[in-house]
């Protein structure tokens, strides 16, 4: 790998005056802010003149808040001034009113200890026309095959869908719907469907899986589930468009109109549901007061002194909880990404 990484920031929420930026983060840092001198210029009063900086370090791209007024967030978690955190492919970066999807195709996972710190303190997609069809490799290093000791854990939900027992199968379907319904319906709405039509697409996808669940084989070596579910959902949306606008010679391969980049629209929905699941899992591991301090200080960016008055914790304990839970949420997200794409 050379001294730098190519990165693309795609706006998936915010004013239309900024759509995307693509370039190298190498020896020269990439600056983000309102100033015309910034590499990535975001023209909005809520964005500081010099808001955040991207730097190439330890083989990856790290983001640092530059003392901005409104703050910078990565995956819903607020950065302190001078705190840096490594960005990963498909992370969500929030600056002012913009929510940006991060694309780093050559990203290599860092050592566990290199994830986040304070400076002062030291794909491809599955190709399927029906749920029961096969999938292609997505170009990534195959992971999670049957020889992988984690395979049983990763495929557990799909095994439940095939269970002979009625109760186990119902649990499997409840879990499947809870995890992926928001992704499917949100993607359908971004494709221009009305809420009722998006709900119909959701039901079509779930029904399709249900019909073939007794013979469905999930093999991560043939493609990641994220890409596979995207293809199935997109096919359901195309079918909905065909019923709305039947025309002779309609090309099934033509994607429906999207409000933003199709891949970005899907990846935003997918990343947000992973974050919600990771947050819920991490929340169950700590006391209510600790989680409250994390939500206020780590997610909303409320000053530590104010959070201390509200929770009865010391400012030092609040900062420590934030660092620990930020790391824990990241670990859970990476585990989910590794298992589901």
C-alpha atoms as a PDB file:
ATOM      1  CA  UNK A   1       0.000   0.000   0.000  1.00  0.00           C
ATOM      2  CA  UNK A   2       1.349   3.463  -0.896  1.00  0.00           C
ATOM      3  CA  UNK A   3       1.621   6.448   1.398  1.00  0.00           C
ATOM      4  CA  UNK A   4      -1.993   7.392   1.221  1.00  0.00           C
ATOM      5  CA  UNK A   5      -5.504   6.129   0.596  1.00  0.00           C
ATOM      6  CA  UNK A   6      -8.208   7.105  -1.840  1.00  0.00           C
ATOM      7  CA  UNK A   7     -11.389   8.177  -0.072  1.00  0.00           C
ATOM      8  CA  UNK A   8     -14.826   9.268  -1.216  1.00  0.00           C
ATOM      9  CA  UNK A   9     -17.351  11.184   0.861  1.00  0.00           C
ATOM     10  CA  UNK A  10     -20.933  10.848  -0.425  1.00  0.00           C
ATOM     11  CA  UNK A  11     -23.664  13.047   1.007  1.00  0.00           C
ATOM     12  CA  UNK A  12     -26.607  10.889   2.069  1.00  0.00           C
ATOM     13  CA  UNK A  13     -28.297  13.695   3.988  1.00  0.00           C
ATOM     14  CA  UNK A  14     -28.035  17.486   4.072  1.00  0.00           C
ATOM     15  CA  UNK A  15     -28.218  20.481   1.686  1.00  0.00           C
ATOM     16  CA  UNK A  16     -27.947  19.718  -2.016  1.00  0.00           C
ATOM     17  CA  UNK A  17     -25.051  22.162  -2.500  1.00  0.00           C
ATOM     18  CA  UNK A  18     -22.661  19.325  -1.580  1.00  0.00           C
ATOM     19  CA  UNK A  19     -23.006  15.910  -3.236  1.00  0.00           C
ATOM     20  CA  UNK A  20     -19.646  14.193  -2.915  1.00  0.00           C
ATOM     21  CA  UNK A  21     -15.877  14.590  -2.801  1.00  0.00           C
ATOM     22  CA  UNK A  22     -13.213  12.137  -3.884  1.00  0.00           C
ATOM     23  CA  UNK A  23      -9.458  12.341  -3.501  1.00  0.00           C
ATOM     24  CA  UNK A  24      -6.315  11.055  -1.812  1.00  0.00           C
ATOM     25  CA  UNK A  25      -5.491  11.414   1.852  1.00  0.00           C
ATOM     26  CA  UNK A  26      -1.706  11.212   2.012  1.00  0.00           C
ATOM     27  CA  UNK A  27       1.178  13.392   3.079  1.00  0.00           C
ATOM     28  CA  UNK A  28      -1.036  16.466   2.909  1.00  0.00           C
ATOM     29  CA  UNK A  29      -4.080  16.438   5.218  1.00  0.00           C
ATOM     30  CA  UNK A  30      -7.573  16.933   3.813  1.00  0.00           C
ATOM     31  CA  UNK A  31      -9.371  19.809   5.511  1.00  0.00           C
ATOM     32  CA  UNK A  32     -13.147  20.084   5.834  1.00  0.00           C
ATOM     33  CA  UNK A  33     -14.870  23.367   6.581  1.00  0.00           C
ATOM     34  CA  UNK A  34     -16.667  26.479   5.395  1.00  0.00           C
ATOM     35  CA  UNK A  35     -13.527  28.321   4.312  1.00  0.00           C
ATOM     36  CA  UNK A  36     -12.750  28.482   0.625  1.00  0.00           C
ATOM     37  CA  UNK A  37      -9.252  27.294   1.487  1.00  0.00           C
ATOM     38  CA  UNK A  38     -10.526  23.924   2.730  1.00  0.00           C
ATOM     39  CA  UNK A  39     -10.134  20.828   0.577  1.00  0.00           C
ATOM     40  CA  UNK A  40     -13.775  19.909   1.152  1.00  0.00           C
ATOM     41  CA  UNK A  41     -15.838  23.086   1.330  1.00  0.00           C
ATOM     42  CA  UNK A  42     -19.232  22.899   3.047  1.00  0.00           C
ATOM     43  CA  UNK A  43     -21.086  26.165   2.727  1.00  0.00           C
ATOM     44  CA  UNK A  44     -23.375  26.322   5.750  1.00  0.00           C
ATOM     45  CA  UNK A  45     -23.364  28.627   8.806  1.00  0.00           C
ATOM     46  CA  UNK A  46     -23.314  25.640  11.184  1.00  0.00           C
ATOM     47  CA  UNK A  47     -19.985  24.483   9.734  1.00  0.00           C
ATOM     48  CA  UNK A  48     -16.857  26.137  11.169  1.00  0.00           C
ATOM     49  CA  UNK A  49     -14.335  27.686   8.806  1.00  0.00           C
ATOM     50  CA  UNK A  50     -11.942  24.910   9.764  1.00  0.00           C
ATOM     51  CA  UNK A  51     -14.167  22.113  11.024  1.00  0.00           C
ATOM     52  CA  UNK A  52     -12.353  18.768  10.728  1.00  0.00           C
ATOM     53  CA  UNK A  53      -9.229  17.223   9.246  1.00  0.00           C
ATOM     54  CA  UNK A  54      -8.503  13.890   7.592  1.00  0.00           C
ATOM     55  CA  UNK A  55      -4.954  12.528   7.913  1.00  0.00           C
ATOM     56  CA  UNK A  56      -3.178   9.393   6.707  1.00  0.00           C
ATOM     57  CA  UNK A  57      -1.658   7.574   9.670  1.00  0.00           C
ATOM     58  CA  UNK A  58      -0.752   3.978  10.532  1.00  0.00           C
ATOM     59  CA  UNK A  59      -1.902   2.799   7.122  1.00  0.00           C
ATOM     60  CA  UNK A  60      -5.382   4.275   7.457  1.00  0.00           C
ATOM     61  CA  UNK A  61      -7.382   7.497   7.394  1.00  0.00           C
ATOM     62  CA  UNK A  62      -8.140   9.216  10.693  1.00  0.00           C
ATOM     63  CA  UNK A  63     -10.512  12.132  11.287  1.00  0.00           C
ATOM     64  CA  UNK A  64      -9.933  14.873  13.869  1.00  0.00           C
ATOM     65  CA  UNK A  65     -12.315  17.594  14.959  1.00  0.00           C
ATOM     66  CA  UNK A  66     -10.536  20.938  14.583  1.00  0.00           C
ATOM     67  CA  UNK A  67     -12.234  22.659  17.510  1.00  0.00           C
ATOM     68  CA  UNK A  68     -15.456  23.228  15.588  1.00  0.00           C
ATOM     69  CA  UNK A  69     -18.475  24.928  17.168  1.00  0.00           C
ATOM     70  CA  UNK A  70     -20.973  22.267  16.128  1.00  0.00           C
ATOM     71  CA  UNK A  71     -18.765  19.227  16.544  1.00  0.00           C
ATOM     72  CA  UNK A  72     -17.998  16.215  14.372  1.00  0.00           C
ATOM     73  CA  UNK A  73     -19.500  12.738  14.728  1.00  0.00           C
ATOM     74  CA  UNK A  74     -18.518   9.320  13.417  1.00  0.00           C
ATOM     75  CA  UNK A  75     -21.177   6.612  13.499  1.00  0.00           C
ATOM     76  CA  UNK A  76     -23.386   8.711  15.798  1.00  0.00           C
ATOM     77  CA  UNK A  77     -20.544   9.243  18.308  1.00  0.00           C
ATOM     78  CA  UNK A  78     -19.300  12.748  19.044  1.00  0.00           C
ATOM     79  CA  UNK A  79     -15.583  13.537  18.769  1.00  0.00           C
ATOM     80  CA  UNK A  80     -13.928  15.671  21.401  1.00  0.00           C
ATOM     81  CA  UNK A  81     -11.601  18.448  20.317  1.00  0.00           C
ATOM     82  CA  UNK A  82      -8.263  16.902  19.282  1.00  0.00           C
ATOM     83  CA  UNK A  83      -9.686  13.376  19.466  1.00  0.00           C
ATOM     84  CA  UNK A  84      -8.963  11.293  16.386  1.00  0.00           C
ATOM     85  CA  UNK A  85     -10.613   8.092  15.243  1.00  0.00           C
ATOM     86  CA  UNK A  86      -9.861   5.840  12.341  1.00  0.00           C
ATOM     87  CA  UNK A  87     -12.436   5.815   9.562  1.00  0.00           C
ATOM     88  CA  UNK A  88     -13.559   2.576   7.947  1.00  0.00           C
ATOM     89  CA  UNK A  89     -15.324   1.877   4.695  1.00  0.00           C
ATOM     90  CA  UNK A  90     -19.073   2.635   5.017  1.00  0.00           C
ATOM     91  CA  UNK A  91     -18.747   4.687   8.212  1.00  0.00           C
ATOM     92  CA  UNK A  92     -21.084   7.657   8.616  1.00  0.00           C
ATOM     93  CA  UNK A  93     -19.376  11.023   9.118  1.00  0.00           C
ATOM     94  CA  UNK A  94     -21.504  13.956  10.279  1.00  0.00           C
ATOM     95  CA  UNK A  95     -20.335  17.556   9.791  1.00  0.00           C
ATOM     96  CA  UNK A  96     -22.911  20.287  10.345  1.00  0.00           C
ATOM     97  CA  UNK A  97     -26.155  19.381   8.535  1.00  0.00           C
ATOM     98  CA  UNK A  98     -24.405  16.835   6.307  1.00  0.00           C
ATOM     99  CA  UNK A  99     -24.365  13.113   6.870  1.00  0.00           C
ATOM    100  CA  UNK A 100     -21.680  11.597   4.648  1.00  0.00           C
ATOM    101  CA  UNK A 101     -21.032   7.975   3.796  1.00  0.00           C
ATOM    102  CA  UNK A 102     -17.311   7.170   3.810  1.00  0.00           C
ATOM    103  CA  UNK A 103     -15.904   4.966   1.054  1.00  0.00           C
ATOM    104  CA  UNK A 104     -12.336   3.678   1.494  1.00  0.00           C
ATOM    105  CA  UNK A 105     -11.989   0.726  -0.921  1.00  0.00           C
ATOM    106  CA  UNK A 106      -8.463  -0.185   0.205  1.00  0.00           C
ATOM    107  CA  UNK A 107      -9.152   0.098   3.919  1.00  0.00           C
ATOM    108  CA  UNK A 108      -7.287  -2.475   6.017  1.00  0.00           C
ATOM    109  CA  UNK A 109      -8.480  -3.102   9.592  1.00  0.00           C
ATOM    110  CA  UNK A 110      -6.049  -1.642  12.159  1.00  0.00           C
ATOM    111  CA  UNK A 111      -4.638  -3.357  15.233  1.00  0.00           C
ATOM    112  CA  UNK A 112      -7.222  -3.235  18.083  1.00  0.00           C
ATOM    113  CA  UNK A 113      -5.198  -0.712  20.094  1.00  0.00           C
ATOM    114  CA  UNK A 114      -5.066   1.801  17.233  1.00  0.00           C
ATOM    115  CA  UNK A 115      -8.786   2.510  17.100  1.00  0.00           C
ATOM    116  CA  UNK A 116      -9.357   5.785  18.962  1.00  0.00           C
ATOM    117  CA  UNK A 117      -7.332   8.150  21.096  1.00  0.00           C
ATOM    118  CA  UNK A 118      -6.868  11.706  22.267  1.00  0.00           C
ATOM    119  CA  UNK A 119      -3.796  13.358  20.730  1.00  0.00           C
ATOM    120  CA  UNK A 120      -2.759  14.917  23.999  1.00  0.00           C
ATOM    121  CA  UNK A 121      -3.001  11.701  26.013  1.00  0.00           C
ATOM    122  CA  UNK A 122      -1.857   9.372  23.946  1.00  0.00           C
ATOM    123  CA  UNK A 123     -18.135  -4.121  -2.492  1.00  0.00           C
ATOM    124  CA  UNK A 124     -19.367  -5.967  -4.703  1.00  0.00           C
ATOM    125  CA  UNK A 125     -22.893  -7.274  -4.414  1.00  0.00           C
ATOM    126  CA  UNK A 126     -24.674 -10.548  -4.857  1.00  0.00           C
ATOM    127  CA  UNK A 127     -26.230 -11.171  -8.252  1.00  0.00           C
ATOM    128  CA  UNK A 128     -29.574 -12.905  -7.942  1.00  0.00           C
ATOM    129  CA  UNK A 129     -32.943 -12.650  -9.643  1.00  0.00           C
ATOM    130  CA  UNK A 130     -34.709 -14.648  -6.963  1.00  0.00           C
ATOM    131  CA  UNK A 131     -34.189 -15.440  -3.336  1.00  0.00           C
ATOM    132  CA  UNK A 132     -33.321 -19.062  -3.969  1.00  0.00           C
ATOM    133  CA  UNK A 133     -30.721 -18.217  -6.605  1.00  0.00           C
ATOM    134  CA  UNK A 134     -26.964 -18.415  -6.212  1.00  0.00           C
ATOM    135  CA  UNK A 135     -24.589 -15.542  -5.530  1.00  0.00           C
ATOM    136  CA  UNK A 136     -21.277 -14.434  -6.965  1.00  0.00           C
ATOM    137  CA  UNK A 137     -18.126 -13.628  -5.075  1.00  0.00           C
ATOM    138  CA  UNK A 138     -17.952  -9.940  -4.218  1.00  0.00           C
ATOM    139  CA  UNK A 139     -14.266  -9.531  -4.930  1.00  0.00           C
ATOM    140  CA  UNK A 140     -13.286  -9.521  -1.284  1.00  0.00           C
ATOM    141  CA  UNK A 141     -11.225 -12.148   0.491  1.00  0.00           C
ATOM    142  CA  UNK A 142     -13.636 -15.033   1.230  1.00  0.00           C
ATOM    143  CA  UNK A 143     -14.566 -15.181   4.883  1.00  0.00           C
ATOM    144  CA  UNK A 144     -16.885 -17.145   7.050  1.00  0.00           C
ATOM    145  CA  UNK A 145     -16.918 -20.446   5.171  1.00  0.00           C
ATOM    146  CA  UNK A 146     -17.920 -23.683   6.798  1.00  0.00           C
ATOM    147  CA  UNK A 147     -14.357 -24.191   8.023  1.00  0.00           C
ATOM    148  CA  UNK A 148     -14.577 -20.950   9.983  1.00  0.00           C
ATOM    149  CA  UNK A 149     -15.247 -21.637  13.695  1.00  0.00           C
ATOM    150  CA  UNK A 150     -17.606 -18.648  13.731  1.00  0.00           C
ATOM    151  CA  UNK A 151     -19.669 -19.985  10.839  1.00  0.00           C
ATOM    152  CA  UNK A 152     -22.326 -21.513  13.094  1.00  0.00           C
ATOM    153  CA  UNK A 153     -22.779 -18.194  14.905  1.00  0.00           C
ATOM    154  CA  UNK A 154     -22.863 -16.172  11.709  1.00  0.00           C
ATOM    155  CA  UNK A 155     -25.396 -18.446  10.046  1.00  0.00           C
ATOM    156  CA  UNK A 156     -27.548 -19.009  13.130  1.00  0.00           C
ATOM    157  CA  UNK A 157     -30.396 -16.805  11.967  1.00  0.00           C
ATOM    158  CA  UNK A 158     -30.604 -18.666   8.650  1.00  0.00           C
ATOM    159  CA  UNK A 159     -30.587 -22.000  10.449  1.00  0.00           C
ATOM    160  CA  UNK A 160     -33.534 -20.816  12.539  1.00  0.00           C
ATOM    161  CA  UNK A 161     -35.416 -19.918   9.362  1.00  0.00           C
ATOM    162  CA  UNK A 162     -35.052 -23.551   8.270  1.00  0.00           C
ATOM    163  CA  UNK A 163     -35.876 -25.081  11.653  1.00  0.00           C
ATOM    164  CA  UNK A 164     -38.429 -27.887  11.747  1.00  0.00           C
ATOM    165  CA  UNK A 165     -39.877 -26.692  15.038  1.00  0.00           C
ATOM    166  CA  UNK A 166     -42.595 -24.066  14.665  1.00  0.00           C
ATOM    167  CA  UNK A 167     -41.369 -22.047  17.660  1.00  0.00           C
ATOM    168  CA  UNK A 168     -37.739 -21.902  16.489  1.00  0.00           C
ATOM    169  CA  UNK A 169     -38.816 -20.888  13.011  1.00  0.00           C
ATOM    170  CA  UNK A 170     -41.094 -18.153  14.346  1.00  0.00           C
ATOM    171  CA  UNK A 171     -38.232 -16.842  16.486  1.00  0.00           C
ATOM    172  CA  UNK A 172     -36.004 -16.858  13.418  1.00  0.00           C
ATOM    173  CA  UNK A 173     -38.502 -14.888  11.361  1.00  0.00           C
ATOM    174  CA  UNK A 174     -39.092 -12.403  14.148  1.00  0.00           C
ATOM    175  CA  UNK A 175     -35.343 -11.845  14.446  1.00  0.00           C
ATOM    176  CA  UNK A 176     -34.904 -11.560  10.680  1.00  0.00           C
ATOM    177  CA  UNK A 177     -37.710  -9.013  10.338  1.00  0.00           C
ATOM    178  CA  UNK A 178     -36.471  -6.983  13.309  1.00  0.00           C
ATOM    179  CA  UNK A 179     -32.957  -6.745  11.886  1.00  0.00           C
ATOM    180  CA  UNK A 180     -33.659  -6.020   8.243  1.00  0.00           C
ATOM    181  CA  UNK A 181     -37.144  -4.521   7.825  1.00  0.00           C
ATOM    182  CA  UNK A 182     -35.964  -0.945   8.325  1.00  0.00           C
ATOM    183  CA  UNK A 183     -33.175  -1.398   5.760  1.00  0.00           C
ATOM    184  CA  UNK A 184     -35.504  -2.826   3.128  1.00  0.00           C
ATOM    185  CA  UNK A 185     -38.308  -0.289   3.634  1.00  0.00           C
ATOM    186  CA  UNK A 186     -35.920   2.688   3.867  1.00  0.00           C
ATOM    187  CA  UNK A 187     -34.172   1.685   0.654  1.00  0.00           C
ATOM    188  CA  UNK A 188     -37.532   1.347  -1.095  1.00  0.00           C
ATOM    189  CA  UNK A 189     -38.531   4.869   0.001  1.00  0.00           C
ATOM    190  CA  UNK A 190     -35.232   6.218  -1.339  1.00  0.00           C
ATOM    191  CA  UNK A 191     -36.109   4.540  -4.624  1.00  0.00           C
ATOM    192  CA  UNK A 192     -39.086   6.875  -4.896  1.00  0.00           C
ATOM    193  CA  UNK A 193     -41.838   4.576  -3.608  1.00  0.00           C
ATOM    194  CA  UNK A 194     -44.603   5.879  -1.391  1.00  0.00           C
ATOM    195  CA  UNK A 195     -44.766   4.583   2.213  1.00  0.00           C
ATOM    196  CA  UNK A 196     -47.485   2.043   1.391  1.00  0.00           C
ATOM    197  CA  UNK A 197     -45.552   0.835  -1.661  1.00  0.00           C
ATOM    198  CA  UNK A 198     -42.380   0.549   0.429  1.00  0.00           C
ATOM    199  CA  UNK A 199     -44.294  -1.572   2.922  1.00  0.00           C
ATOM    200  CA  UNK A 200     -45.489  -3.743   0.035  1.00  0.00           C
ATOM    201  CA  UNK A 201     -41.886  -4.224  -1.122  1.00  0.00           C
ATOM    202  CA  UNK A 202     -40.922  -5.197   2.413  1.00  0.00           C
ATOM    203  CA  UNK A 203     -43.664  -7.795   2.501  1.00  0.00           C
ATOM    204  CA  UNK A 204     -42.632  -9.092  -0.937  1.00  0.00           C
ATOM    205  CA  UNK A 205     -39.031  -9.578   0.207  1.00  0.00           C
ATOM    206  CA  UNK A 206     -39.965 -11.217   3.506  1.00  0.00           C
ATOM    207  CA  UNK A 207     -42.503 -13.474   1.785  1.00  0.00           C
ATOM    208  CA  UNK A 208     -39.903 -14.453  -0.814  1.00  0.00           C
ATOM    209  CA  UNK A 209     -37.467 -15.525   1.893  1.00  0.00           C
ATOM    210  CA  UNK A 210     -40.193 -17.374   3.746  1.00  0.00           C
ATOM    211  CA  UNK A 211     -41.200 -19.383   0.680  1.00  0.00           C
ATOM    212  CA  UNK A 212     -37.675 -20.708   0.103  1.00  0.00           C
ATOM    213  CA  UNK A 213     -36.384 -20.731   3.679  1.00  0.00           C
ATOM    214  CA  UNK A 214     -36.554 -24.516   3.926  1.00  0.00           C
ATOM    215  CA  UNK A 215     -33.973 -24.819   1.134  1.00  0.00           C
ATOM    216  CA  UNK A 216     -32.080 -21.527   1.433  1.00  0.00           C
ATOM    217  CA  UNK A 217     -28.327 -22.007   1.879  1.00  0.00           C
ATOM    218  CA  UNK A 218     -26.310 -19.030   3.074  1.00  0.00           C
ATOM    219  CA  UNK A 219     -22.692 -19.424   1.958  1.00  0.00           C
ATOM    220  CA  UNK A 220     -20.498 -16.355   2.708  1.00  0.00           C
ATOM    221  CA  UNK A 221     -17.892 -17.700   0.252  1.00  0.00           C
ATOM    222  CA  UNK A 222     -20.308 -16.881  -2.581  1.00  0.00           C
ATOM    223  CA  UNK A 223     -20.999 -13.311  -1.496  1.00  0.00           C
ATOM    224  CA  UNK A 224     -21.860 -11.237   1.543  1.00  0.00           C
ATOM    225  CA  UNK A 225     -25.420 -11.169   2.810  1.00  0.00           C
ATOM    226  CA  UNK A 226     -25.524  -7.343   2.624  1.00  0.00           C
ATOM    227  CA  UNK A 227     -25.112  -7.434  -1.156  1.00  0.00           C
ATOM    228  CA  UNK A 228     -27.432 -10.399  -1.526  1.00  0.00           C
ATOM    229  CA  UNK A 229     -30.303  -8.743   0.348  1.00  0.00           C
ATOM    230  CA  UNK A 230     -29.755  -5.544  -1.608  1.00  0.00           C
ATOM    231  CA  UNK A 231     -30.139  -7.392  -4.905  1.00  0.00           C
ATOM    232  CA  UNK A 232     -33.300  -9.159  -3.752  1.00  0.00           C
ATOM    233  CA  UNK A 233     -34.770  -5.859  -2.519  1.00  0.00           C
ATOM    234  CA  UNK A 234     -33.878  -4.080  -5.741  1.00  0.00           C
ATOM    235  CA  UNK A 235     -35.573  -6.817  -7.749  1.00  0.00           C
ATOM    236  CA  UNK A 236     -38.731  -6.373  -5.661  1.00  0.00           C
ATOM    237  CA  UNK A 237     -38.618  -2.605  -6.298  1.00  0.00           C
ATOM    238  CA  UNK A 238     -38.207  -3.190 -10.045  1.00  0.00           C
ATOM    239  CA  UNK A 239     -41.193  -5.506  -9.997  1.00  0.00           C
ATOM    240  CA  UNK A 240     -43.212  -2.800  -8.249  1.00  0.00           C
ATOM    241  CA  UNK A 241     -42.189  -0.276 -10.942  1.00  0.00           C
ATOM    242  CA  UNK A 242     -43.198  -2.734 -13.677  1.00  0.00           C
ATOM    243  CA  UNK A 243     -46.661  -3.094 -12.168  1.00  0.00           C
ATOM    244  CA  UNK A 244     -47.009   0.690 -11.929  1.00  0.00           C
ATOM    245  CA  UNK A 245     -45.760   1.335 -15.459  1.00  0.00           C
ATOM    246  CA  UNK A 246     -46.157  -1.759 -17.657  1.00  0.00           C
ATOM    247  CA  UNK A 247     -44.470  -1.161 -21.022  1.00  0.00           C
ATOM    248  CA  UNK A 248     -43.471  -3.473 -23.820  1.00  0.00           C
ATOM    249  CA  UNK A 249     -39.810  -4.357 -23.743  1.00  0.00           C
ATOM    250  CA  UNK A 250     -39.164  -3.046 -20.214  1.00  0.00           C
ATOM    251  CA  UNK A 251     -35.531  -3.667 -19.270  1.00  0.00           C
ATOM    252  CA  UNK A 252     -35.313  -5.452 -15.896  1.00  0.00           C
ATOM    253  CA  UNK A 253     -31.694  -4.338 -15.493  1.00  0.00           C
ATOM    254  CA  UNK A 254     -32.593  -0.632 -15.414  1.00  0.00           C
ATOM    255  CA  UNK A 255     -32.485   0.691 -11.884  1.00  0.00           C
ATOM    256  CA  UNK A 256     -35.419   2.796 -10.690  1.00  0.00           C
ATOM    257  CA  UNK A 257     -34.765   6.509 -10.093  1.00  0.00           C
ATOM    258  CA  UNK A 258     -33.000   7.149  -6.780  1.00  0.00           C
ATOM    259  CA  UNK A 259     -32.771  10.313  -4.728  1.00  0.00           C
ATOM    260  CA  UNK A 260     -29.035   9.677  -4.295  1.00  0.00           C
ATOM    261  CA  UNK A 261     -26.363   7.185  -5.335  1.00  0.00           C
ATOM    262  CA  UNK A 262     -27.915   3.706  -5.236  1.00  0.00           C
ATOM    263  CA  UNK A 263     -25.030   2.037  -3.413  1.00  0.00           C
ATOM    264  CA  UNK A 264     -24.809   4.929  -0.967  1.00  0.00           C
ATOM    265  CA  UNK A 265     -28.547   4.751  -0.285  1.00  0.00           C
ATOM    266  CA  UNK A 266     -28.319   1.061   0.574  1.00  0.00           C
ATOM    267  CA  UNK A 267     -25.086   1.395   2.566  1.00  0.00           C
ATOM    268  CA  UNK A 268     -26.557   4.221   4.644  1.00  0.00           C
ATOM    269  CA  UNK A 269     -29.573   2.110   5.573  1.00  0.00           C
ATOM    270  CA  UNK A 270     -27.365  -0.896   6.293  1.00  0.00           C
ATOM    271  CA  UNK A 271     -24.853   1.037   8.413  1.00  0.00           C
ATOM    272  CA  UNK A 272     -27.565   2.749  10.449  1.00  0.00           C
ATOM    273  CA  UNK A 273     -29.239  -0.562  11.320  1.00  0.00           C
ATOM    274  CA  UNK A 274     -25.855  -2.029  12.326  1.00  0.00           C
ATOM    275  CA  UNK A 275     -25.238   0.982  14.565  1.00  0.00           C
ATOM    276  CA  UNK A 276     -28.658   0.671  16.183  1.00  0.00           C
ATOM    277  CA  UNK A 277     -28.082  -3.004  16.874  1.00  0.00           C
ATOM    278  CA  UNK A 278     -24.572  -2.336  18.207  1.00  0.00           C
ATOM    279  CA  UNK A 279     -25.843   0.419  20.478  1.00  0.00           C
ATOM    280  CA  UNK A 280     -28.559  -1.840  21.869  1.00  0.00           C
ATOM    281  CA  UNK A 281     -26.063  -4.625  22.560  1.00  0.00           C
ATOM    282  CA  UNK A 282     -23.566  -2.291  24.233  1.00  0.00           C
ATOM    283  CA  UNK A 283     -26.301  -0.669  26.318  1.00  0.00           C
ATOM    284  CA  UNK A 284     -27.226  -4.039  27.823  1.00  0.00           C
ATOM    285  CA  UNK A 285     -23.667  -4.480  29.096  1.00  0.00           C
ATOM    286  CA  UNK A 286     -23.461  -1.395  31.342  1.00  0.00           C
ATOM    287  CA  UNK A 287     -25.420   0.283  34.113  1.00  0.00           C
ATOM    288  CA  UNK A 288     -28.185   2.702  33.187  1.00  0.00           C
ATOM    289  CA  UNK A 289     -26.286   5.706  34.574  1.00  0.00           C
ATOM    290  CA  UNK A 290     -23.179   4.866  32.568  1.00  0.00           C
ATOM    291  CA  UNK A 291     -25.189   4.557  29.373  1.00  0.00           C
ATOM    292  CA  UNK A 292     -26.993   7.815  30.048  1.00  0.00           C
ATOM    293  CA  UNK A 293     -23.661   9.600  30.413  1.00  0.00           C
ATOM    294  CA  UNK A 294     -22.512   8.071  27.126  1.00  0.00           C
ATOM    295  CA  UNK A 295     -25.659   9.170  25.298  1.00  0.00           C
ATOM    296  CA  UNK A 296     -25.364  12.719  26.592  1.00  0.00           C
ATOM    297  CA  UNK A 297     -21.603  13.191  26.310  1.00  0.00           C
ATOM    298  CA  UNK A 298     -20.562  10.656  23.679  1.00  0.00           C
ATOM    299  CA  UNK A 299     -23.510  10.901  21.279  1.00  0.00           C
ATOM    300  CA  UNK A 300     -25.118  14.330  21.803  1.00  0.00           C
ATOM    301  CA  UNK A 301     -21.924  16.195  22.711  1.00  0.00           C
ATOM    302  CA  UNK A 302     -23.225  17.696  25.973  1.00  0.00           C
ATOM    303  CA  UNK A 303     -20.280  19.110  28.003  1.00  0.00           C
ATOM    304  CA  UNK A 304     -18.900  16.694  30.585  1.00  0.00           C
ATOM    305  CA  UNK A 305     -19.490  19.141  33.468  1.00  0.00           C
ATOM    306  CA  UNK A 306     -23.204  19.328  32.647  1.00  0.00           C
ATOM    307  CA  UNK A 307     -23.445  15.553  32.323  1.00  0.00           C
ATOM    308  CA  UNK A 308     -21.714  15.193  35.699  1.00  0.00           C
ATOM    309  CA  UNK A 309     -24.410  17.289  37.374  1.00  0.00           C
ATOM    310  CA  UNK A 310     -27.140  15.245  35.735  1.00  0.00           C
ATOM    311  CA  UNK A 311     -25.691  11.777  36.420  1.00  0.00           C
ATOM    312  CA  UNK A 312     -23.633  12.254  39.588  1.00  0.00           C
ATOM    313  CA  UNK A 313     -20.559  10.853  37.844  1.00  0.00           C
ATOM    314  CA  UNK A 314     -17.225  12.630  37.745  1.00  0.00           C
ATOM    315  CA  UNK A 315     -16.088  14.241  34.490  1.00  0.00           C
ATOM    316  CA  UNK A 316     -13.161  11.814  34.372  1.00  0.00           C
ATOM    317  CA  UNK A 317     -15.488   8.817  34.732  1.00  0.00           C
ATOM    318  CA  UNK A 318     -17.734  10.197  31.990  1.00  0.00           C
ATOM    319  CA  UNK A 319     -14.814  10.580  29.591  1.00  0.00           C
ATOM    320  CA  UNK A 320     -13.569   7.090  30.413  1.00  0.00           C
ATOM    321  CA  UNK A 321     -17.033   5.601  29.844  1.00  0.00           C
ATOM    322  CA  UNK A 322     -17.255   7.370  26.518  1.00  0.00           C
ATOM    323  CA  UNK A 323     -13.916   6.011  25.308  1.00  0.00           C
ATOM    324  CA  UNK A 324     -14.737   2.491  26.524  1.00  0.00           C
ATOM    325  CA  UNK A 325     -18.227   2.412  24.989  1.00  0.00           C
ATOM    326  CA  UNK A 326     -17.075   3.993  21.737  1.00  0.00           C
ATOM    327  CA  UNK A 327     -14.541   1.197  21.413  1.00  0.00           C
ATOM    328  CA  UNK A 328     -17.141  -1.414  22.351  1.00  0.00           C
ATOM    329  CA  UNK A 329     -19.702  -0.180  19.811  1.00  0.00           C
ATOM    330  CA  UNK A 330     -17.007  -0.219  17.123  1.00  0.00           C
ATOM    331  CA  UNK A 331     -16.093  -3.809  18.024  1.00  0.00           C
ATOM    332  CA  UNK A 332     -19.715  -4.897  17.715  1.00  0.00           C
ATOM    333  CA  UNK A 333     -20.163  -3.090  14.385  1.00  0.00           C
ATOM    334  CA  UNK A 334     -17.042  -4.751  12.982  1.00  0.00           C
ATOM    335  CA  UNK A 335     -18.271  -8.149  14.161  1.00  0.00           C
ATOM    336  CA  UNK A 336     -21.628  -7.595  12.462  1.00  0.00           C
ATOM    337  CA  UNK A 337     -19.959  -6.382   9.291  1.00  0.00           C
ATOM    338  CA  UNK A 338     -17.690  -9.404   9.268  1.00  0.00           C
ATOM    339  CA  UNK A 339     -20.642 -11.759   9.585  1.00  0.00           C
ATOM    340  CA  UNK A 340     -23.234 -10.016   7.402  1.00  0.00           C
ATOM    341  CA  UNK A 341     -21.300  -7.726   5.114  1.00  0.00           C
END
